[in-house]
Amino acid sequence: MRLGSLQLAHPYCLSPLAGYTNLPFRLVIREIGGVGLCTTDLVNARSLLEGNPKACLLTQTCPADSPLAVQLFGNSPEYMRDAAVLLESQGVASVDVNMGCPVPKVCKTGGGSAMMADAAAAARIVGGMVAAVKIPVTCKMRLGWDDENITAPDLARALADVGAAAIFVHGRTREQGFGGRVNLGGIRAVVEAVPRTPVIGNGDITTPDAAKVMLERTGCAGLGIGRGALYNPWIFRHIAHFLHTGETSPEPSFEERALVMSRHLGLMVDVFGEKSGCCMFRKIGPWYARRLGPSHEFNRRITRLETRAQFDEIIAWYREWRKQFLDERGELQPRFCSPQPVASFLLDQDATADGTRPVPVPKGPVTYW
């Protein structure tokens, strides 16, 4: 998939998750494979220009973290333009404009989903950024403010007209937040509104089956995955394999998951220091544990994590403790396996998805600005 001058190896992108899609997580996703583009947490354009340490930390990167997009929010054409110029000078591959965040803290400043209410103003901001940089400028939006105000198709046209290289669209409204049903028809309407601009669909892509349906029913050029990657960091590789071969990839073993978890913590320690890295990992470990079987004891211990050595002790203890739930081949007994999440758009309108549950919304929702 091509975003302006940027050619991606895969059309599958890591979407921003405030407080989670930091450098260590992006590196883990890249090392597992299958992802084409990773995007940072949303960053306040003014704070970045002022050198705010928290904003600068959000854009921290390294040569292995490429290609990288930085997602900006703000409602000032000057700040957004100058922040894009700064990021280009730092070697960032793409800049994404957040027009989809539903969090009141962002919307009340005129950023995030509030930008969808004034297409002309949004187009002025994006047009100024496009004129100031050579790297692609993309836009992330929702379908609209609520069901009565579905503005995404018109907004996408306005943004494409001023040179937006791609449109990322979450198939929910701002009013829905992260709940309710993803509207594939709404995403398709955006695709049809900008036939010469790539549209990347987002929302509830938690399995390769969901990815295939999203692509087929919307006609979108690529996929943006957020919570699905936090729940399953292997999802990009699994989707790429499934769409190429039609075959479902085997689930990673316990030892592979433990190895990746250890790698993730190691990167957290390298980037943030042992004390902060371990503290931040307390909210990451339980996400990995969702696929390990009974994990209440693991979670209880991991949420008190203080050192890297302590993590190694927890894993060694958990490896022995979980043996009681394994069969004679050393595999987790089916009755202890967590059911796969089912995308809302794969369910009948009134279905209750017996035995399934959606991927929860990460707590936060915002750690840094």
Protein backbone atom coordinates (compact mmCIF):
# COMPACT_ATOMS: atom_id res chain seq x y z
CA MET A 1 0.00 0.00 0.00
CA ARG A 2 1.28 3.46 -0.87
CA LEU A 3 0.64 6.57 1.22
CA GLY A 4 1.78 9.39 -1.01
CA SER A 5 5.54 8.93 -1.39
CA LEU A 6 5.66 6.24 1.30
CA GLN A 7 5.52 2.61 0.17
CA LEU A 8 4.48 0.15 2.89
CA ALA A 9 5.50 -3.51 2.88
CA HIS A 10 2.13 -4.48 4.38
CA PRO A 11 -1.24 -2.66 4.37
CA TYR A 12 -1.73 -3.34 8.09
CA CYS A 13 -1.06 -0.48 10.50
CA LEU A 14 -0.71 -0.23 14.26
CA SER A 15 -3.21 2.39 15.40
CA PRO A 16 -2.50 4.74 18.32
CA LEU A 17 -3.50 3.63 21.81
CA ALA A 18 -2.89 6.36 24.36
CA GLY A 19 -0.46 5.12 26.98
CA TYR A 20 0.37 1.88 25.14
CA THR A 21 1.80 2.36 21.63
CA ASN A 22 5.13 3.64 22.91
CA LEU A 23 8.52 2.73 21.47
CA PRO A 24 8.90 -0.62 23.30
CA PHE A 25 5.48 -1.88 22.15
CA ARG A 26 6.10 -0.74 18.58
CA LEU A 27 9.43 -2.55 18.50
CA VAL A 28 7.82 -5.75 19.78
CA ILE A 29 5.15 -5.55 17.08
CA ARG A 30 7.77 -4.97 14.39
CA GLU A 31 9.93 -7.88 15.58
CA ILE A 32 6.98 -10.28 15.46
CA GLY A 33 6.26 -9.11 11.90
CA GLY A 34 3.44 -8.34 9.48
CA VAL A 35 2.93 -4.66 10.31
CA GLY A 36 3.43 -2.00 7.63
CA LEU A 37 3.27 1.24 9.62
CA CYS A 38 3.27 2.05 13.34
CA THR A 39 1.83 5.24 14.78
CA THR A 40 2.68 6.93 18.07
CA ASP A 41 0.24 7.94 20.78
CA LEU A 42 -1.52 11.17 19.96
CA VAL A 43 0.73 14.16 20.65
CA ASN A 44 -0.26 17.75 21.38
CA ALA A 45 1.29 19.82 18.56
CA ARG A 46 1.85 22.89 20.74
CA SER A 47 3.45 20.85 23.54
CA LEU A 48 5.79 19.23 21.03
CA LEU A 49 6.90 22.61 19.67
CA GLU A 50 7.47 23.89 23.19
CA GLY A 51 9.72 20.93 23.95
CA ASN A 52 7.45 19.51 26.63
CA PRO A 53 9.31 16.42 27.94
CA LYS A 54 6.19 14.27 27.98
CA ALA A 55 5.34 15.17 24.38
CA CYS A 56 8.93 14.51 23.29
CA LEU A 57 8.89 11.14 25.04
CA LEU A 58 5.86 10.12 23.00
CA THR A 59 7.80 10.69 19.77
CA GLN A 60 10.91 8.85 20.96
CA THR A 61 12.11 6.43 18.28
CA CYS A 62 15.14 4.58 16.91
CA PRO A 63 16.30 3.23 13.51
CA ALA A 64 14.51 -0.09 14.03
CA ASP A 65 11.20 1.76 14.55
CA SER A 66 10.55 2.49 10.89
CA PRO A 67 8.46 3.53 9.07
CA LEU A 68 6.92 5.62 11.82
CA ALA A 69 3.97 8.02 11.80
CA VAL A 70 3.45 10.56 14.57
CA GLN A 71 -0.15 11.43 15.34
CA LEU A 72 -0.76 15.09 16.16
CA PHE A 73 -3.78 16.80 17.62
CA GLY A 74 -4.64 20.47 17.90
CA ASN A 75 -6.82 23.10 16.24
CA SER A 76 -4.21 25.75 15.39
CA PRO A 77 -3.12 25.74 11.73
CA GLU A 78 0.21 27.32 12.70
CA TYR A 79 1.04 24.87 15.48
CA MET A 80 0.00 21.84 13.41
CA ARG A 81 2.02 23.06 10.41
CA ASP A 82 5.13 23.83 12.44
CA ALA A 83 4.91 20.54 14.33
CA ALA A 84 4.75 18.67 11.01
CA VAL A 85 7.85 20.54 9.79
CA LEU A 86 9.68 19.68 13.02
CA LEU A 87 8.80 16.00 12.74
CA GLU A 88 9.90 15.87 9.11
CA SER A 89 13.27 17.33 10.12
CA GLN A 90 13.59 14.55 12.70
CA GLY A 91 13.13 11.85 10.06
CA VAL A 92 9.54 10.83 10.75
CA ALA A 93 8.02 9.02 7.74
CA SER A 94 4.48 10.40 8.03
CA VAL A 95 2.30 12.70 10.10
CA ASP A 96 -1.25 11.75 11.05
CA VAL A 97 -3.88 14.27 12.14
CA ASN A 98 -6.19 13.05 14.89
CA MET A 99 -9.83 13.81 14.12
CA GLY A 100 -11.25 10.78 15.87
CA CYS A 101 -10.34 10.84 19.56
CA PRO A 102 -13.62 10.95 21.55
CA VAL A 103 -12.00 11.89 24.88
CA PRO A 104 -13.49 15.16 26.23
CA LYS A 105 -10.02 16.46 27.21
CA VAL A 106 -9.09 16.48 23.52
CA CYS A 107 -12.45 17.49 22.05
CA LYS A 108 -12.89 20.52 24.29
CA THR A 109 -9.73 22.03 22.81
CA GLY A 110 -11.20 21.76 19.32
CA GLY A 111 -9.08 18.73 18.47
CA GLY A 112 -9.94 15.06 18.01
CA SER A 113 -13.53 14.33 17.00
CA ALA A 114 -14.47 18.01 17.35
CA MET A 115 -12.63 18.68 14.08
CA MET A 116 -15.28 16.67 12.25
CA ALA A 117 -17.83 19.38 12.99
CA ASP A 118 -16.10 21.93 10.72
CA ALA A 119 -14.79 20.39 7.50
CA ALA A 120 -13.57 23.72 6.14
CA ALA A 121 -11.45 24.44 9.22
CA ALA A 122 -10.09 20.89 9.23
CA ALA A 123 -9.17 21.18 5.55
CA ARG A 124 -7.34 24.47 6.19
CA ILE A 125 -5.23 22.82 8.87
CA VAL A 126 -4.40 19.77 6.77
CA GLY A 127 -3.82 21.83 3.63
CA GLY A 128 -1.30 23.99 5.46
CA MET A 129 0.54 20.91 6.69
CA VAL A 130 0.60 19.32 3.23
CA ALA A 131 2.03 22.49 1.72
CA ALA A 132 4.76 22.71 4.35
CA VAL A 133 6.20 19.17 4.22
CA LYS A 134 7.13 16.52 1.67
CA ILE A 135 6.22 13.53 3.84
CA PRO A 136 2.66 12.17 3.68
CA VAL A 137 0.02 13.80 5.85
CA THR A 138 -2.83 11.43 6.73
CA CYS A 139 -6.01 11.90 8.76
CA LYS A 140 -7.72 9.67 11.33
CA MET A 141 -11.45 10.21 11.81
CA ARG A 142 -14.66 8.58 12.97
CA LEU A 143 -17.90 8.32 11.02
CA GLY A 144 -19.25 11.45 12.66
CA TRP A 145 -20.22 13.02 15.96
CA ASP A 146 -23.33 10.84 16.34
CA ASP A 147 -25.78 8.87 14.19
CA GLU A 148 -27.52 12.09 13.18
CA ASN A 149 -24.28 13.68 12.02
CA ILE A 150 -22.39 11.25 9.78
CA THR A 151 -19.86 13.66 8.29
CA ALA A 152 -16.97 11.35 7.39
CA PRO A 153 -17.62 11.07 3.61
CA ASP A 154 -17.84 14.84 3.12
CA LEU A 155 -14.89 15.47 5.42
CA ALA A 156 -12.80 12.85 3.62
CA ARG A 157 -13.51 14.56 0.27
CA ALA A 158 -12.48 17.93 1.66
CA LEU A 159 -9.25 16.49 3.07
CA ALA A 160 -8.41 14.58 -0.09
CA ASP A 161 -8.90 17.78 -2.08
CA VAL A 162 -6.16 19.53 -0.06
CA GLY A 163 -3.73 16.64 -0.43
CA ALA A 164 -4.29 14.20 2.44
CA ALA A 165 -2.36 11.05 1.49
CA ALA A 166 -4.75 8.64 3.21
CA ILE A 167 -7.82 8.53 5.41
CA PHE A 168 -7.98 6.28 8.48
CA VAL A 169 -11.59 5.81 9.55
CA HIS A 170 -12.92 4.16 12.70
CA GLY A 171 -16.34 2.71 11.97
CA ARG A 172 -18.00 4.24 15.02
CA THR A 173 -19.23 7.72 15.89
CA ARG A 174 -17.83 9.90 18.63
CA GLU A 175 -21.00 9.27 20.64
CA GLN A 176 -20.35 5.50 20.55
CA GLY A 177 -16.87 5.82 21.97
CA PHE A 178 -15.41 2.31 21.79
CA GLY A 179 -18.70 0.44 22.27
CA GLY A 180 -21.54 -0.59 20.02
CA ARG A 181 -21.40 -1.97 16.52
CA VAL A 182 -18.79 -1.02 13.94
CA ASN A 183 -20.57 0.23 10.81
CA LEU A 184 -18.88 -1.32 7.77
CA GLY A 185 -21.33 0.47 5.48
CA GLY A 186 -20.15 3.76 6.91
CA ILE A 187 -16.53 2.91 6.15
CA ARG A 188 -17.52 1.87 2.63
CA ALA A 189 -19.21 5.25 2.12
CA VAL A 190 -15.88 6.92 2.89
CA VAL A 191 -14.08 4.61 0.45
CA GLU A 192 -16.56 5.54 -2.27
CA ALA A 193 -16.27 9.26 -1.46
CA VAL A 194 -12.50 9.35 -2.16
CA PRO A 195 -11.80 6.75 -4.86
CA ARG A 196 -8.25 8.03 -5.53
CA THR A 197 -7.20 8.19 -1.86
CA PRO A 198 -6.38 5.09 0.22
CA VAL A 199 -8.83 4.49 3.06
CA ILE A 200 -7.73 2.39 6.00
CA GLY A 201 -10.54 0.75 7.97
CA ASN A 202 -10.41 0.53 11.75
CA GLY A 203 -12.53 -0.92 14.53
CA ASP A 204 -12.94 -4.40 16.06
CA ILE A 205 -10.28 -6.09 13.93
CA THR A 206 -9.34 -8.78 16.44
CA THR A 207 -8.92 -11.87 14.24
CA PRO A 208 -7.87 -12.71 10.66
CA ASP A 209 -11.52 -13.52 9.85
CA ALA A 210 -12.58 -10.04 10.94
CA ALA A 211 -9.79 -8.53 8.85
CA LYS A 212 -10.94 -10.40 5.74
CA VAL A 213 -14.55 -9.31 6.21
CA MET A 214 -13.54 -5.69 6.79
CA LEU A 215 -11.55 -5.62 3.55
CA GLU A 216 -14.21 -7.40 1.49
CA ARG A 217 -17.24 -5.45 2.71
CA THR A 218 -15.71 -1.99 2.75
CA GLY A 219 -13.24 -2.07 -0.14
CA CYS A 220 -10.70 -0.31 2.07
CA ALA A 221 -7.05 -0.41 1.03
CA GLY A 222 -5.67 -1.35 4.43
CA LEU A 223 -6.41 -1.98 8.08
CA GLY A 224 -5.71 -0.07 11.27
CA ILE A 225 -5.49 -2.22 14.40
CA GLY A 226 -5.28 -0.97 17.98
CA ARG A 227 -6.89 -3.01 20.76
CA GLY A 228 -6.57 -6.16 18.66
CA ALA A 229 -2.78 -5.76 18.71
CA LEU A 230 -2.70 -5.17 22.44
CA TYR A 231 -4.75 -8.34 22.94
CA ASN A 232 -2.68 -10.30 20.42
CA PRO A 233 0.66 -8.81 19.26
CA TRP A 234 0.88 -11.59 16.64
CA ILE A 235 -2.26 -10.36 14.86
CA PHE A 236 -0.48 -8.60 11.98
CA ARG A 237 1.56 -11.69 11.12
CA HIS A 238 -1.52 -13.90 11.46
CA ILE A 239 -3.60 -11.65 9.17
CA ALA A 240 -0.87 -11.49 6.53
CA HIS A 241 -0.53 -15.29 6.54
CA PHE A 242 -4.29 -15.90 6.46
CA LEU A 243 -4.99 -13.49 3.60
CA HIS A 244 -2.06 -14.85 1.58
CA THR A 245 -2.66 -18.59 2.12
CA GLY A 246 -6.20 -18.95 3.47
CA GLU A 247 -4.73 -20.89 6.39
CA THR A 248 -5.03 -20.05 10.06
CA SER A 249 -1.74 -19.71 11.90
CA PRO A 250 -1.18 -21.83 15.02
CA GLU A 251 -1.40 -20.01 18.31
CA PRO A 252 1.97 -19.07 19.82
CA SER A 253 3.08 -21.46 22.54
CA PHE A 254 3.37 -20.47 26.18
CA GLU A 255 7.14 -20.30 25.85
CA GLU A 256 6.93 -18.01 22.80
CA ARG A 257 4.52 -15.73 24.62
CA ALA A 258 6.74 -15.70 27.69
CA LEU A 259 9.77 -14.85 25.53
CA VAL A 260 7.99 -11.94 23.83
CA MET A 261 6.66 -10.72 27.16
CA SER A 262 10.18 -10.77 28.56
CA ARG A 263 11.46 -8.92 25.49
CA HIS A 264 8.73 -6.29 25.91
CA LEU A 265 9.65 -5.72 29.55
CA GLY A 266 13.35 -5.56 28.64
CA LEU A 267 12.63 -2.80 26.13
CA MET A 268 10.52 -0.95 28.71
CA VAL A 269 13.44 -1.06 31.12
CA ASP A 270 15.90 0.05 28.43
CA VAL A 271 13.75 3.02 27.39
CA PHE A 272 12.21 4.15 30.69
CA GLY A 273 14.57 2.75 33.32
CA GLU A 274 13.94 -0.23 35.58
CA LYS A 275 11.67 1.46 38.11
CA SER A 276 9.42 3.25 35.63
CA GLY A 277 9.57 0.46 33.04
CA CYS A 278 8.44 -2.18 35.52
CA CYS A 279 5.73 0.10 36.89
CA MET A 280 4.41 0.75 33.37
CA PHE A 281 4.54 -2.96 32.56
CA ARG A 282 2.08 -3.71 35.36
CA LYS A 283 -0.74 -2.78 32.97
CA ILE A 284 0.86 -4.63 30.01
CA GLY A 285 1.46 -8.03 31.61
CA PRO A 286 -2.25 -8.79 32.20
CA TRP A 287 -2.93 -8.25 28.48
CA TYR A 288 -0.47 -10.99 27.58
CA ALA A 289 -1.92 -13.18 30.33
CA ARG A 290 -5.38 -13.16 28.73
CA ARG A 291 -4.15 -15.88 26.35
CA LEU A 292 -2.20 -17.97 28.88
CA GLY A 293 -5.10 -19.69 30.67
CA PRO A 294 -6.09 -19.07 34.30
CA SER A 295 -4.08 -15.99 35.19
CA HIS A 296 -5.54 -14.41 38.31
CA GLU A 297 -2.49 -15.34 40.38
CA PHE A 298 -0.12 -14.17 37.65
CA ASN A 299 -1.92 -10.84 37.42
CA ARG A 300 -1.88 -10.38 41.18
CA ARG A 301 1.89 -10.75 41.20
CA ILE A 302 2.65 -8.83 38.00
CA THR A 303 0.72 -5.77 39.21
CA ARG A 304 3.29 -5.50 42.00
CA LEU A 305 6.28 -5.76 39.66
CA GLU A 306 9.30 -3.71 40.69
CA THR A 307 12.37 -5.29 39.05
CA ARG A 308 13.37 -7.30 35.99
CA ALA A 309 14.65 -10.10 38.23
CA GLN A 310 11.26 -10.26 39.94
CA PHE A 311 9.61 -10.75 36.55
CA ASP A 312 11.84 -13.74 35.81
CA GLU A 313 10.81 -15.22 39.16
CA ILE A 314 7.11 -14.68 38.40
CA ILE A 315 7.38 -16.39 35.01
CA ALA A 316 9.25 -19.35 36.51
CA TRP A 317 6.63 -19.68 39.24
CA TYR A 318 3.71 -19.33 36.80
CA ARG A 319 5.18 -21.93 34.44
CA GLU A 320 4.96 -24.49 37.26
CA TRP A 321 1.63 -23.28 38.64
CA ARG A 322 -0.23 -23.52 35.32
CA LYS A 323 0.78 -27.18 34.81
CA GLN A 324 -2.37 -28.18 36.70
CA PHE A 325 -4.42 -26.87 33.74
CA LEU A 326 -2.48 -28.74 31.02
CA ASP A 327 -3.29 -32.05 29.33
CA GLU A 328 -0.95 -35.02 28.93
CA ARG A 329 0.69 -33.35 25.90
CA GLY A 330 1.45 -30.21 27.86
CA GLU A 331 -1.24 -28.19 26.07
CA LEU A 332 -3.75 -25.99 27.87
CA GLN A 333 -7.01 -27.91 28.31
CA PRO A 334 -9.75 -26.44 26.08
CA ARG A 335 -12.01 -25.60 29.01
CA PHE A 336 -9.35 -23.22 30.31
CA CYS A 337 -8.74 -21.46 26.99
CA SER A 338 -10.14 -17.96 26.59
CA PRO A 339 -12.71 -17.68 23.77
CA GLN A 340 -11.64 -15.67 20.75
CA PRO A 341 -13.20 -12.20 20.67
CA VAL A 342 -15.78 -11.71 17.93
CA ALA A 343 -15.98 -8.44 16.04
CA SER A 344 -19.28 -6.61 16.47
CA PHE A 345 -19.80 -6.53 12.70
CA LEU A 346 -19.65 -10.35 12.53
CA LEU A 347 -22.58 -10.75 14.91
CA ASP A 348 -26.28 -10.62 14.13
CA GLN A 349 -27.76 -7.32 15.22
CA ASP A 350 -29.38 -8.82 18.31
CA ALA A 351 -26.86 -11.57 19.01
CA THR A 352 -25.34 -11.94 22.46
CA ALA A 353 -22.22 -13.78 21.24
CA ASP A 354 -22.59 -16.70 23.63
CA GLY A 355 -19.17 -17.64 24.97
CA THR A 356 -17.43 -14.63 23.43
CA ARG A 357 -16.59 -11.14 24.58
CA PRO A 358 -15.18 -8.03 22.96
CA VAL A 359 -11.66 -6.88 23.64
CA PRO A 360 -11.96 -4.40 26.53
CA VAL A 361 -10.97 -0.77 26.25
CA PRO A 362 -7.50 -0.21 27.74
CA LYS A 363 -7.58 1.73 30.97
CA GLY A 364 -6.37 5.30 30.84
CA PRO A 365 -7.34 6.36 28.33
CA VAL A 366 -4.54 8.92 28.24
CA THR A 367 -1.19 8.68 30.02
CA TYR A 368 0.81 11.48 28.40
CA TRP A 369 -0.02 14.62 26.43
